């Protein structure tokens, strides 16, 4: 069955081109030209992935993204004319899965869509329903994380990063590998996103985030989750 995409942009001409191109690549595509309509379409259609423009009149992409995240963990790719780090971090904190900066090629967007779907919808081994690493338990089916008996609230980016670390608990994981698993091959492992999300996870997991006992830095290499 083909993946269902919901594309949200106030540019109707762009929507037409995106729909034709992506449907030609085998996707089931629904297009919406406004934020309020988008939320109704999301609720009724339950897409596999959302492509969302930030700059829209009325309800902008930031608000649409936040509202979607209140309902589901569906993958989201943001379309934006801005490429600065602050905007990317704002999106990742909201649980965005990827960015595509305008102007972009249709082939690039399609590649990003396929990469995000492959990364977020891939299955897991039958014996890997629950990951336990010291005080942390990751339930992959329910997409829940508990610290001892406390249920934590994590963004999708935080969840993927913690999962990547807990799968290899006790082992050093390189920055390149973590970046690949969390953001995909296109993202620069030397960027600040990984450091920022390690810091955010420490705030939620460590008793003293300034002196972490579980999420440890491995000098000149990456990070290690120490159970």
N, C-alpha and C. Protein backbone atom coordinates (compact mmCIF):
# COMPACT_ATOMS: atom_id res chain seq x y z
N UNK A 1 0.85 -1.19 0.00
CA UNK A 1 0.00 0.00 0.00
C UNK A 1 0.88 1.24 0.00
N UNK A 2 0.59 2.23 -0.86
CA UNK A 2 1.41 3.43 -0.95
C UNK A 2 1.21 4.30 0.28
N UNK A 3 2.28 5.02 0.65
CA UNK A 3 2.22 5.92 1.80
C UNK A 3 1.36 7.14 1.46
N UNK A 4 0.60 7.60 2.46
CA UNK A 4 -0.27 8.75 2.27
C UNK A 4 0.44 10.01 2.79
N UNK A 5 0.54 11.03 1.94
CA UNK A 5 1.19 12.28 2.29
C UNK A 5 0.16 13.40 2.36
N UNK A 6 0.28 14.25 3.38
CA UNK A 6 -0.52 15.47 3.48
C UNK A 6 0.43 16.64 3.27
N UNK A 7 0.19 17.44 2.21
CA UNK A 7 1.06 18.58 1.89
C UNK A 7 0.29 19.87 2.14
N UNK A 8 0.89 20.75 2.94
CA UNK A 8 0.21 21.97 3.38
C UNK A 8 1.04 23.17 2.95
N UNK A 9 0.47 24.02 2.08
CA UNK A 9 1.17 25.21 1.59
C UNK A 9 0.12 26.16 1.04
N UNK A 10 0.35 27.47 1.19
CA UNK A 10 -0.62 28.43 0.65
C UNK A 10 -0.39 28.71 -0.83
N UNK A 11 0.66 28.15 -1.42
CA UNK A 11 0.96 28.32 -2.85
C UNK A 11 0.27 27.19 -3.63
N UNK A 12 -0.86 27.51 -4.25
CA UNK A 12 -1.65 26.48 -4.93
C UNK A 12 -0.93 25.92 -6.15
N UNK A 13 -0.13 26.75 -6.81
CA UNK A 13 0.62 26.26 -7.97
C UNK A 13 1.66 25.23 -7.54
N UNK A 14 2.37 25.52 -6.43
CA UNK A 14 3.34 24.58 -5.91
C UNK A 14 2.66 23.28 -5.48
N UNK A 15 1.50 23.39 -4.85
CA UNK A 15 0.77 22.19 -4.43
C UNK A 15 0.44 21.31 -5.64
N UNK A 16 0.04 21.95 -6.73
CA UNK A 16 -0.31 21.19 -7.94
C UNK A 16 0.90 20.41 -8.46
N UNK A 17 2.05 21.08 -8.54
CA UNK A 17 3.27 20.42 -9.02
C UNK A 17 3.69 19.29 -8.08
N UNK A 18 3.64 19.55 -6.77
CA UNK A 18 4.05 18.53 -5.80
C UNK A 18 3.13 17.31 -5.88
N UNK A 19 1.85 17.55 -5.98
CA UNK A 19 0.90 16.44 -6.05
C UNK A 19 1.15 15.58 -7.29
N UNK A 20 1.31 16.21 -8.44
CA UNK A 20 1.54 15.47 -9.68
C UNK A 20 2.85 14.67 -9.61
N UNK A 21 3.90 15.31 -9.11
CA UNK A 21 5.21 14.66 -9.08
C UNK A 21 5.22 13.49 -8.11
N UNK A 22 4.72 13.72 -6.89
CA UNK A 22 4.77 12.67 -5.86
C UNK A 22 3.81 11.53 -6.17
N UNK A 23 2.66 11.84 -6.76
CA UNK A 23 1.77 10.76 -7.18
C UNK A 23 2.40 9.94 -8.30
N UNK A 24 3.18 10.60 -9.14
CA UNK A 24 3.89 9.88 -10.19
C UNK A 24 4.94 8.94 -9.64
N UNK A 25 5.37 9.21 -8.39
CA UNK A 25 6.34 8.34 -7.73
C UNK A 25 5.67 7.31 -6.83
N UNK A 26 4.34 7.24 -6.92
CA UNK A 26 3.62 6.18 -6.22
C UNK A 26 3.00 6.55 -4.89
N UNK A 27 3.09 7.81 -4.49
CA UNK A 27 2.49 8.23 -3.22
C UNK A 27 1.02 8.60 -3.40
N UNK A 28 0.26 8.45 -2.32
CA UNK A 28 -1.11 8.94 -2.25
C UNK A 28 -1.04 10.33 -1.63
N UNK A 29 -1.37 11.38 -2.38
CA UNK A 29 -1.12 12.76 -1.96
C UNK A 29 -2.40 13.54 -1.75
N UNK A 30 -2.50 14.18 -0.58
CA UNK A 30 -3.60 15.09 -0.26
C UNK A 30 -3.00 16.46 -0.07
N UNK A 31 -3.55 17.49 -0.72
CA UNK A 31 -3.02 18.84 -0.59
C UNK A 31 -4.04 19.76 0.08
N UNK A 32 -3.53 20.68 0.89
CA UNK A 32 -4.38 21.64 1.60
C UNK A 32 -3.68 22.99 1.56
N UNK A 33 -4.43 24.09 1.35
CA UNK A 33 -3.81 25.40 1.18
C UNK A 33 -3.99 26.33 2.37
N UNK A 34 -4.15 25.77 3.58
CA UNK A 34 -4.25 26.63 4.76
C UNK A 34 -4.16 25.84 6.05
N UNK A 35 -3.77 26.54 7.13
CA UNK A 35 -3.54 25.87 8.39
C UNK A 35 -4.76 25.23 9.03
N UNK A 36 -5.87 25.96 9.07
CA UNK A 36 -7.09 25.43 9.69
C UNK A 36 -7.61 24.22 8.92
N UNK A 37 -7.61 24.32 7.58
CA UNK A 37 -8.02 23.19 6.75
C UNK A 37 -7.09 22.00 6.97
N UNK A 38 -5.81 22.32 7.19
CA UNK A 38 -4.82 21.26 7.35
C UNK A 38 -5.11 20.39 8.56
N UNK A 39 -5.48 21.00 9.66
CA UNK A 39 -5.75 20.24 10.87
C UNK A 39 -6.97 19.33 10.68
N UNK A 40 -7.98 19.83 9.98
CA UNK A 40 -9.16 19.01 9.70
C UNK A 40 -8.78 17.82 8.80
N UNK A 41 -7.95 18.10 7.79
CA UNK A 41 -7.52 17.04 6.88
C UNK A 41 -6.66 16.02 7.61
N UNK A 42 -5.79 16.50 8.50
CA UNK A 42 -4.94 15.58 9.25
C UNK A 42 -5.78 14.64 10.11
N UNK A 43 -6.76 15.19 10.76
CA UNK A 43 -7.61 14.39 11.65
C UNK A 43 -8.42 13.36 10.86
N UNK A 44 -8.91 13.74 9.70
CA UNK A 44 -9.78 12.83 8.93
C UNK A 44 -8.99 11.83 8.08
N UNK A 45 -7.83 12.26 7.58
CA UNK A 45 -7.08 11.42 6.63
C UNK A 45 -6.01 10.55 7.28
N UNK A 46 -5.49 10.97 8.45
CA UNK A 46 -4.43 10.22 9.16
C UNK A 46 -3.29 9.86 8.22
N UNK A 47 -2.57 10.86 7.69
CA UNK A 47 -1.49 10.59 6.74
C UNK A 47 -0.30 9.90 7.40
N UNK A 48 0.56 9.31 6.56
CA UNK A 48 1.79 8.69 7.04
C UNK A 48 2.89 9.72 7.25
N UNK A 49 2.79 10.86 6.54
CA UNK A 49 3.80 11.92 6.65
C UNK A 49 3.18 13.24 6.24
N UNK A 50 3.63 14.33 6.88
CA UNK A 50 3.14 15.67 6.58
C UNK A 50 4.28 16.51 6.03
N UNK A 51 4.04 17.20 4.91
CA UNK A 51 4.96 18.20 4.38
C UNK A 51 4.31 19.55 4.63
N UNK A 52 4.97 20.41 5.40
CA UNK A 52 4.31 21.60 5.96
C UNK A 52 5.12 22.86 5.70
N UNK A 53 4.52 23.85 5.06
CA UNK A 53 5.16 25.15 4.86
C UNK A 53 5.05 25.98 6.14
N UNK A 54 6.11 26.71 6.47
CA UNK A 54 6.09 27.53 7.68
C UNK A 54 5.33 28.82 7.47
N UNK A 55 5.66 29.55 6.39
CA UNK A 55 5.12 30.88 6.19
C UNK A 55 3.78 30.83 5.48
N UNK A 56 2.71 30.83 6.27
CA UNK A 56 1.35 30.85 5.73
C UNK A 56 0.55 31.91 6.46
N UNK A 57 -0.38 32.58 5.78
CA UNK A 57 -1.23 33.57 6.46
C UNK A 57 -2.17 32.87 7.45
N UNK A 58 -2.59 33.60 8.45
CA UNK A 58 -3.48 33.02 9.46
C UNK A 58 -2.69 32.09 10.37
N UNK A 59 -3.08 30.83 10.42
CA UNK A 59 -2.37 29.84 11.22
C UNK A 59 -1.11 29.41 10.48
N UNK A 60 0.07 29.79 10.99
CA UNK A 60 1.30 29.46 10.28
C UNK A 60 1.76 28.04 10.57
N UNK A 61 2.84 27.64 9.92
CA UNK A 61 3.31 26.27 10.05
C UNK A 61 3.75 25.89 11.45
N UNK A 62 4.28 26.85 12.20
CA UNK A 62 4.69 26.54 13.58
C UNK A 62 3.50 26.09 14.41
N UNK A 63 2.39 26.83 14.29
CA UNK A 63 1.20 26.48 15.07
C UNK A 63 0.60 25.17 14.59
N UNK A 64 0.56 24.97 13.27
CA UNK A 64 0.04 23.70 12.75
C UNK A 64 0.87 22.54 13.26
N UNK A 65 2.19 22.71 13.24
CA UNK A 65 3.09 21.66 13.72
C UNK A 65 2.82 21.33 15.19
N UNK A 66 2.71 22.37 16.01
CA UNK A 66 2.46 22.16 17.44
C UNK A 66 1.13 21.44 17.67
N UNK A 67 0.10 21.81 16.89
CA UNK A 67 -1.22 21.19 17.05
C UNK A 67 -1.19 19.73 16.60
N UNK A 68 -0.47 19.43 15.52
CA UNK A 68 -0.35 18.05 15.07
C UNK A 68 0.35 17.22 16.14
N UNK A 69 1.39 17.78 16.74
CA UNK A 69 2.14 17.04 17.75
C UNK A 69 1.31 16.75 19.00
N UNK A 70 0.26 17.54 19.23
CA UNK A 70 -0.64 17.26 20.34
C UNK A 70 -1.49 16.02 20.06
N UNK A 71 -1.64 15.68 18.76
CA UNK A 71 -2.51 14.57 18.38
C UNK A 71 -1.75 13.30 18.04
N UNK A 72 -0.53 13.45 17.46
CA UNK A 72 0.14 12.26 16.93
C UNK A 72 1.62 12.52 16.76
N UNK A 73 2.38 11.42 16.51
CA UNK A 73 3.82 11.52 16.26
C UNK A 73 4.13 11.31 14.78
N UNK A 74 3.17 11.61 13.91
CA UNK A 74 3.35 11.48 12.47
C UNK A 74 4.58 12.28 12.01
N UNK A 75 5.44 11.71 11.16
CA UNK A 75 6.61 12.45 10.67
C UNK A 75 6.22 13.75 9.96
N UNK A 76 7.00 14.80 10.19
CA UNK A 76 6.75 16.11 9.59
C UNK A 76 8.02 16.61 8.93
N UNK A 77 7.91 17.05 7.68
CA UNK A 77 8.98 17.75 6.98
C UNK A 77 8.54 19.20 6.79
N UNK A 78 9.34 20.14 7.24
CA UNK A 78 9.01 21.55 7.09
C UNK A 78 9.60 22.11 5.80
N UNK A 79 8.80 22.90 5.09
CA UNK A 79 9.27 23.68 3.96
C UNK A 79 9.48 25.10 4.44
N UNK A 80 10.67 25.65 4.20
CA UNK A 80 10.95 26.98 4.72
C UNK A 80 11.91 27.72 3.81
N UNK A 81 11.76 29.04 3.79
CA UNK A 81 12.70 29.89 3.06
C UNK A 81 13.88 30.25 3.95
N UNK A 82 13.82 29.86 5.22
CA UNK A 82 14.86 30.19 6.18
C UNK A 82 15.74 28.97 6.44
N UNK A 83 17.04 29.20 6.51
CA UNK A 83 17.96 28.08 6.74
C UNK A 83 18.81 28.28 7.99
N UNK A 84 18.45 29.27 8.82
CA UNK A 84 19.31 29.52 9.98
C UNK A 84 19.10 28.47 11.07
N UNK A 85 20.11 28.31 11.90
CA UNK A 85 20.12 27.26 12.91
C UNK A 85 19.01 27.42 13.94
N UNK A 86 18.67 28.67 14.30
CA UNK A 86 17.65 28.91 15.32
C UNK A 86 16.30 28.35 14.88
N UNK A 87 15.94 28.56 13.62
CA UNK A 87 14.66 28.04 13.12
C UNK A 87 14.66 26.52 13.08
N UNK A 88 15.81 25.93 12.70
CA UNK A 88 15.89 24.48 12.68
C UNK A 88 15.73 23.91 14.08
N UNK A 89 16.38 24.54 15.06
CA UNK A 89 16.27 24.05 16.43
C UNK A 89 14.84 24.20 16.94
N UNK A 90 14.17 25.29 16.59
CA UNK A 90 12.77 25.46 17.00
C UNK A 90 11.92 24.33 16.45
N UNK A 91 12.15 23.99 15.20
CA UNK A 91 11.39 22.89 14.60
C UNK A 91 11.70 21.56 15.24
N UNK A 92 12.97 21.27 15.49
CA UNK A 92 13.34 20.00 16.10
C UNK A 92 12.76 19.88 17.51
N UNK A 93 12.70 21.01 18.22
CA UNK A 93 12.09 20.97 19.56
C UNK A 93 10.60 20.64 19.48
N UNK A 94 9.96 21.03 18.39
CA UNK A 94 8.54 20.71 18.19
C UNK A 94 8.34 19.28 17.69
N UNK A 95 9.46 18.60 17.36
CA UNK A 95 9.35 17.22 16.90
C UNK A 95 9.35 17.07 15.40
N UNK A 96 9.87 18.08 14.68
CA UNK A 96 9.98 17.99 13.22
C UNK A 96 11.05 16.96 12.86
N UNK A 97 10.84 16.25 11.76
CA UNK A 97 11.77 15.20 11.35
C UNK A 97 12.80 15.67 10.34
N UNK A 98 12.47 16.69 9.55
CA UNK A 98 13.43 17.16 8.55
C UNK A 98 13.02 18.54 8.05
N UNK A 99 13.96 19.20 7.39
CA UNK A 99 13.75 20.50 6.78
C UNK A 99 14.09 20.44 5.31
N UNK A 100 13.34 21.15 4.48
CA UNK A 100 13.71 21.38 3.09
C UNK A 100 13.61 22.88 2.86
N UNK A 101 14.72 23.48 2.43
CA UNK A 101 14.79 24.93 2.27
C UNK A 101 14.41 25.32 0.84
N UNK A 102 13.50 26.27 0.72
CA UNK A 102 13.09 26.78 -0.57
C UNK A 102 14.17 27.71 -1.13
N UNK A 103 14.41 27.72 -2.45
CA UNK A 103 13.81 26.83 -3.46
C UNK A 103 14.45 25.44 -3.42
N UNK A 104 13.66 24.42 -3.75
CA UNK A 104 14.16 23.05 -3.72
C UNK A 104 13.72 22.35 -5.00
N UNK A 105 14.38 21.27 -5.32
CA UNK A 105 13.97 20.47 -6.47
C UNK A 105 12.95 19.43 -6.01
N UNK A 106 12.08 19.05 -6.91
CA UNK A 106 11.08 18.03 -6.58
C UNK A 106 11.77 16.70 -6.26
N UNK A 107 12.87 16.43 -6.94
CA UNK A 107 13.61 15.20 -6.67
C UNK A 107 14.18 15.20 -5.25
N UNK A 108 14.67 16.37 -4.81
CA UNK A 108 15.22 16.45 -3.45
C UNK A 108 14.13 16.19 -2.41
N UNK A 109 12.97 16.84 -2.58
CA UNK A 109 11.89 16.64 -1.62
C UNK A 109 11.46 15.18 -1.59
N UNK A 110 11.35 14.56 -2.76
CA UNK A 110 10.96 13.16 -2.81
C UNK A 110 11.95 12.28 -2.07
N UNK A 111 13.23 12.56 -2.26
CA UNK A 111 14.27 11.79 -1.57
C UNK A 111 14.17 11.97 -0.06
N UNK A 112 13.89 13.19 0.37
CA UNK A 112 13.75 13.44 1.82
C UNK A 112 12.53 12.72 2.38
N UNK A 113 11.43 12.74 1.63
CA UNK A 113 10.21 12.04 2.06
C UNK A 113 10.49 10.55 2.25
N UNK A 114 11.15 9.95 1.26
CA UNK A 114 11.45 8.52 1.34
C UNK A 114 12.39 8.21 2.50
N UNK A 115 13.37 9.09 2.72
CA UNK A 115 14.33 8.86 3.80
C UNK A 115 13.66 8.94 5.17
N UNK A 116 12.78 9.93 5.35
CA UNK A 116 12.09 10.07 6.64
C UNK A 116 11.15 8.90 6.88
N UNK A 117 10.42 8.49 5.86
CA UNK A 117 9.53 7.34 6.01
C UNK A 117 10.32 6.08 6.35
N UNK A 118 11.45 5.89 5.70
CA UNK A 118 12.26 4.71 5.97
C UNK A 118 12.80 4.73 7.39
N UNK A 119 13.14 5.93 7.87
CA UNK A 119 13.73 6.07 9.20
C UNK A 119 12.69 5.95 10.31
N UNK A 120 11.50 6.47 10.08
CA UNK A 120 10.51 6.54 11.16
C UNK A 120 9.50 5.40 11.15
N UNK A 121 9.29 4.78 9.99
CA UNK A 121 8.29 3.73 9.92
C UNK A 121 8.88 2.33 9.88
N UNK A 122 10.22 2.24 9.96
CA UNK A 122 10.84 0.92 9.91
C UNK A 122 10.46 0.12 11.14
N UNK A 123 10.38 -1.17 10.98
CA UNK A 123 10.01 -2.04 12.08
C UNK A 123 11.14 -2.27 13.05
N UNK A 124 10.90 -3.09 14.05
CA UNK A 124 11.93 -3.45 15.01
C UNK A 124 11.83 -4.93 15.28
N UNK A 125 12.90 -5.48 15.79
CA UNK A 125 12.94 -6.91 16.04
C UNK A 125 11.92 -7.28 17.11
N UNK A 126 11.42 -8.48 17.01
CA UNK A 126 10.38 -8.93 17.95
C UNK A 126 10.88 -8.90 19.39
N UNK A 127 12.19 -9.14 19.58
CA UNK A 127 12.73 -9.14 20.93
C UNK A 127 13.17 -7.76 21.37
N UNK A 128 12.83 -6.73 20.56
CA UNK A 128 13.26 -5.38 20.87
C UNK A 128 12.06 -4.46 21.12
N UNK A 129 10.97 -5.02 21.65
CA UNK A 129 9.81 -4.21 21.97
C UNK A 129 10.11 -3.26 23.12
N UNK A 130 10.91 -3.74 24.07
CA UNK A 130 11.27 -2.95 25.24
C UNK A 130 12.79 -2.88 25.35
N UNK A 131 13.31 -1.67 25.50
CA UNK A 131 14.73 -1.48 25.75
C UNK A 131 14.90 -1.03 27.20
N UNK A 132 15.74 -1.71 27.95
CA UNK A 132 16.01 -1.34 29.34
C UNK A 132 17.49 -1.01 29.48
N UNK A 133 17.77 0.16 30.01
CA UNK A 133 19.15 0.59 30.22
C UNK A 133 19.22 1.33 31.55
N UNK A 134 19.63 0.62 32.58
CA UNK A 134 19.67 1.23 33.91
C UNK A 134 18.29 1.68 34.33
N UNK A 135 18.14 2.95 34.71
CA UNK A 135 16.83 3.44 35.19
C UNK A 135 15.87 3.78 34.06
N UNK A 136 16.31 3.67 32.81
CA UNK A 136 15.50 4.08 31.67
C UNK A 136 14.90 2.87 30.97
N UNK A 137 13.59 2.94 30.68
CA UNK A 137 12.91 1.91 29.90
C UNK A 137 12.25 2.57 28.69
N UNK A 138 12.56 2.06 27.49
CA UNK A 138 11.99 2.59 26.26
C UNK A 138 11.04 1.54 25.68
N UNK A 139 9.76 1.90 25.59
CA UNK A 139 8.76 1.02 25.00
C UNK A 139 8.58 1.43 23.55
N UNK A 140 9.11 0.61 22.62
CA UNK A 140 9.10 0.98 21.21
C UNK A 140 7.71 0.89 20.59
N UNK A 141 6.88 -0.01 21.07
CA UNK A 141 5.52 -0.12 20.52
C UNK A 141 4.67 1.08 20.93
N UNK A 142 4.72 1.43 22.19
CA UNK A 142 3.91 2.54 22.69
C UNK A 142 4.61 3.88 22.53
N UNK A 143 5.89 3.85 22.15
CA UNK A 143 6.70 5.06 22.02
C UNK A 143 6.66 5.86 23.32
N UNK A 144 6.95 5.15 24.40
CA UNK A 144 6.98 5.76 25.73
C UNK A 144 8.34 5.52 26.37
N UNK A 145 8.73 6.47 27.20
CA UNK A 145 9.98 6.35 27.96
C UNK A 145 9.68 6.58 29.42
N UNK A 146 10.21 5.70 30.27
CA UNK A 146 10.06 5.86 31.71
C UNK A 146 11.43 5.95 32.37
N UNK A 147 11.53 6.85 33.31
CA UNK A 147 12.71 6.96 34.16
C UNK A 147 12.29 6.41 35.52
N UNK A 148 12.73 5.17 35.80
CA UNK A 148 12.21 4.40 36.94
C UNK A 148 10.71 4.27 36.73
N UNK A 149 9.87 4.87 37.55
CA UNK A 149 8.42 4.73 37.38
C UNK A 149 7.78 5.98 36.78
N UNK A 150 8.61 6.97 36.44
CA UNK A 150 8.08 8.24 35.93
C UNK A 150 8.01 8.23 34.40
N UNK A 151 6.83 8.54 33.86
CA UNK A 151 6.66 8.65 32.42
C UNK A 151 7.20 9.99 31.95
N UNK A 152 8.16 9.97 31.02
CA UNK A 152 8.77 11.20 30.53
C UNK A 152 8.06 11.70 29.28
N UNK A 153 8.08 13.00 29.10
CA UNK A 153 7.55 13.62 27.90
C UNK A 153 8.72 14.00 27.01
N UNK A 154 8.86 13.28 25.88
CA UNK A 154 9.95 13.54 24.95
C UNK A 154 9.40 13.91 23.58
N UNK A 155 10.12 14.77 22.87
CA UNK A 155 9.79 15.01 21.46
C UNK A 155 10.20 13.78 20.66
N UNK A 156 9.76 13.71 19.40
CA UNK A 156 10.13 12.57 18.56
C UNK A 156 11.64 12.53 18.32
N UNK A 157 12.26 13.69 18.20
CA UNK A 157 13.71 13.73 18.02
C UNK A 157 14.41 13.20 19.26
N UNK A 158 13.98 13.62 20.43
CA UNK A 158 14.57 13.13 21.67
C UNK A 158 14.37 11.62 21.81
N UNK A 159 13.18 11.15 21.42
CA UNK A 159 12.89 9.72 21.52
C UNK A 159 13.82 8.92 20.63
N UNK A 160 14.02 9.36 19.39
CA UNK A 160 14.90 8.62 18.48
C UNK A 160 16.34 8.64 18.95
N UNK A 161 16.78 9.77 19.50
CA UNK A 161 18.16 9.87 19.98
C UNK A 161 18.37 8.96 21.18
N UNK A 162 17.44 8.98 22.12
CA UNK A 162 17.58 8.13 23.29
C UNK A 162 17.52 6.66 22.90
N UNK A 163 16.65 6.31 21.96
CA UNK A 163 16.56 4.93 21.49
C UNK A 163 17.88 4.47 20.88
N UNK A 164 18.49 5.34 20.07
CA UNK A 164 19.77 4.99 19.44
C UNK A 164 20.84 4.73 20.49
N UNK A 165 20.84 5.51 21.56
CA UNK A 165 21.82 5.32 22.63
C UNK A 165 21.52 4.08 23.46
N UNK A 166 20.26 3.88 23.80
CA UNK A 166 19.90 2.74 24.67
C UNK A 166 20.07 1.40 23.94
N UNK A 167 19.90 1.38 22.63
CA UNK A 167 20.12 0.15 21.87
C UNK A 167 21.57 -0.32 22.03
N UNK A 168 22.47 0.64 22.27
CA UNK A 168 23.89 0.31 22.40
C UNK A 168 24.40 0.68 23.79
N UNK A 169 23.57 0.50 24.79
CA UNK A 169 23.94 0.89 26.16
C UNK A 169 25.30 0.30 26.53
N UNK A 170 26.16 1.15 27.08
CA UNK A 170 27.49 0.73 27.47
C UNK A 170 28.51 0.86 26.37
N UNK A 171 28.07 1.16 25.14
CA UNK A 171 28.99 1.29 24.01
C UNK A 171 29.08 2.76 23.58
N UNK A 172 30.25 3.16 23.11
CA UNK A 172 30.41 4.49 22.53
C UNK A 172 29.79 4.50 21.14
N UNK A 173 28.99 5.53 20.87
CA UNK A 173 28.33 5.67 19.56
C UNK A 173 28.83 6.98 18.94
N UNK A 174 29.28 6.93 17.71
CA UNK A 174 29.88 8.11 17.08
C UNK A 174 28.82 9.17 16.78
N UNK A 175 29.28 10.40 16.68
CA UNK A 175 28.38 11.49 16.30
C UNK A 175 27.77 11.22 14.92
N UNK A 176 28.58 10.69 14.01
CA UNK A 176 28.08 10.41 12.66
C UNK A 176 26.94 9.39 12.69
N UNK A 177 27.09 8.33 13.49
CA UNK A 177 26.05 7.30 13.54
C UNK A 177 24.77 7.83 14.18
N UNK A 178 24.91 8.58 15.25
CA UNK A 178 23.73 9.15 15.91
C UNK A 178 23.01 10.12 14.97
N UNK A 179 23.77 10.97 14.30
CA UNK A 179 23.17 11.92 13.36
C UNK A 179 22.45 11.19 12.24
N UNK A 180 23.06 10.13 11.72
CA UNK A 180 22.44 9.35 10.65
C UNK A 180 21.11 8.75 11.10
N UNK A 181 21.06 8.17 12.30
CA UNK A 181 19.85 7.51 12.77
C UNK A 181 18.74 8.49 13.14
N UNK A 182 19.13 9.65 13.64
CA UNK A 182 18.13 10.60 14.14
C UNK A 182 17.66 11.57 13.05
N UNK A 183 18.59 12.08 12.23
CA UNK A 183 18.24 13.10 11.24
C UNK A 183 18.42 12.67 9.80
N UNK A 184 19.17 11.62 9.55
CA UNK A 184 19.38 11.17 8.19
C UNK A 184 20.75 11.56 7.64
N UNK A 185 21.06 11.03 6.45
CA UNK A 185 22.40 11.17 5.89
C UNK A 185 22.72 12.59 5.46
N UNK A 186 21.70 13.42 5.20
CA UNK A 186 21.96 14.76 4.68
C UNK A 186 22.43 15.72 5.75
N UNK A 187 22.23 15.39 7.04
CA UNK A 187 22.50 16.36 8.11
C UNK A 187 23.96 16.32 8.53
N UNK A 188 24.54 17.48 8.79
CA UNK A 188 25.95 17.60 9.14
C UNK A 188 26.19 17.17 10.58
N UNK A 189 26.97 16.11 10.82
CA UNK A 189 27.23 15.67 12.19
C UNK A 189 28.03 16.68 13.01
N UNK A 190 28.64 17.67 12.33
CA UNK A 190 29.39 18.69 13.05
C UNK A 190 28.51 19.85 13.49
N UNK A 191 27.24 19.82 13.11
CA UNK A 191 26.32 20.88 13.51
C UNK A 191 25.99 20.81 14.99
N UNK A 192 25.22 21.78 15.44
CA UNK A 192 24.95 21.89 16.88
C UNK A 192 23.71 21.12 17.33
N UNK A 193 22.92 20.56 16.40
CA UNK A 193 21.67 19.91 16.79
C UNK A 193 21.91 18.74 17.74
N UNK A 194 22.90 17.90 17.44
CA UNK A 194 23.15 16.75 18.31
C UNK A 194 23.53 17.19 19.71
N UNK A 195 24.44 18.15 19.83
CA UNK A 195 24.84 18.64 21.15
C UNK A 195 23.64 19.21 21.89
N UNK A 196 22.81 19.93 21.18
CA UNK A 196 21.63 20.55 21.80
C UNK A 196 20.67 19.48 22.34
N UNK A 197 20.43 18.43 21.57
CA UNK A 197 19.48 17.41 22.02
C UNK A 197 20.06 16.49 23.09
N UNK A 198 21.36 16.31 23.08
CA UNK A 198 21.99 15.61 24.20
C UNK A 198 21.75 16.42 25.47
N UNK A 199 21.92 17.72 25.38
CA UNK A 199 21.70 18.60 26.54
C UNK A 199 20.24 18.51 27.01
N UNK A 200 19.30 18.52 26.06
CA UNK A 200 17.88 18.44 26.42
C UNK A 200 17.56 17.11 27.10
N UNK A 201 18.11 16.01 26.59
CA UNK A 201 17.88 14.70 27.21
C UNK A 201 18.45 14.65 28.62
N UNK A 202 19.62 15.23 28.81
CA UNK A 202 20.21 15.25 30.15
C UNK A 202 19.33 16.00 31.15
N UNK A 203 18.66 17.04 30.69
CA UNK A 203 17.76 17.78 31.59
C UNK A 203 16.63 16.90 32.10
N UNK A 204 16.23 15.92 31.29
CA UNK A 204 15.09 15.09 31.65
C UNK A 204 15.47 13.78 32.33
N UNK A 205 16.72 13.34 32.16
CA UNK A 205 17.12 12.03 32.66
C UNK A 205 18.10 12.09 33.83
N UNK A 206 19.02 13.05 33.78
CA UNK A 206 20.07 13.10 34.78
C UNK A 206 19.61 13.80 36.07
N UNK A 207 20.03 13.28 37.20
CA UNK A 207 19.76 13.94 38.49
C UNK A 207 20.47 15.29 38.53
N UNK A 208 21.68 15.34 37.97
CA UNK A 208 22.44 16.59 37.87
C UNK A 208 22.94 16.69 36.43
N UNK A 209 22.23 17.44 35.58
CA UNK A 209 22.60 17.50 34.17
C UNK A 209 24.01 18.00 33.91
N UNK A 210 24.55 18.81 34.83
CA UNK A 210 25.91 19.32 34.66
C UNK A 210 26.96 18.26 34.95
N UNK A 211 26.57 17.24 35.68
CA UNK A 211 27.48 16.13 35.99
C UNK A 211 26.77 14.81 35.67
N UNK A 212 26.57 14.52 34.39
CA UNK A 212 25.77 13.36 33.98
C UNK A 212 26.40 12.04 34.39
N UNK A 213 25.53 11.11 34.74
CA UNK A 213 25.96 9.76 35.10
C UNK A 213 25.58 8.73 34.05
N UNK A 214 24.67 9.08 33.17
CA UNK A 214 24.15 8.13 32.18
C UNK A 214 24.50 8.52 30.74
N UNK A 215 24.20 9.74 30.33
CA UNK A 215 24.49 10.17 28.97
C UNK A 215 25.85 10.86 28.98
N UNK A 216 26.87 10.12 28.63
CA UNK A 216 28.25 10.58 28.78
C UNK A 216 28.86 10.95 27.43
N UNK A 217 29.69 11.97 27.44
CA UNK A 217 30.44 12.36 26.24
C UNK A 217 31.68 11.48 26.11
N UNK A 218 31.97 11.09 24.89
CA UNK A 218 33.19 10.35 24.59
C UNK A 218 34.06 11.29 23.75
N UNK A 219 35.11 11.77 24.33
CA UNK A 219 35.92 12.82 23.73
C UNK A 219 36.33 12.50 22.28
N UNK A 220 36.12 13.50 21.41
CA UNK A 220 36.51 13.42 20.00
C UNK A 220 35.84 12.27 19.24
N UNK A 221 34.73 11.74 19.80
CA UNK A 221 34.07 10.62 19.13
C UNK A 221 32.56 10.75 19.12
N UNK A 222 31.92 10.79 20.28
CA UNK A 222 30.48 10.80 20.33
C UNK A 222 29.96 10.72 21.74
N UNK A 223 29.02 9.77 21.99
CA UNK A 223 28.36 9.68 23.30
C UNK A 223 28.14 8.21 23.67
N UNK A 224 27.94 7.98 24.96
CA UNK A 224 27.67 6.63 25.46
C UNK A 224 26.61 6.71 26.53
N UNK A 225 25.63 5.77 26.47
CA UNK A 225 24.65 5.68 27.55
C UNK A 225 25.18 4.65 28.55
N UNK A 226 25.44 5.10 29.75
CA UNK A 226 25.99 4.23 30.79
C UNK A 226 24.87 3.81 31.74
N UNK A 227 24.47 2.53 31.70
CA UNK A 227 23.36 2.09 32.55
C UNK A 227 23.66 2.22 34.04
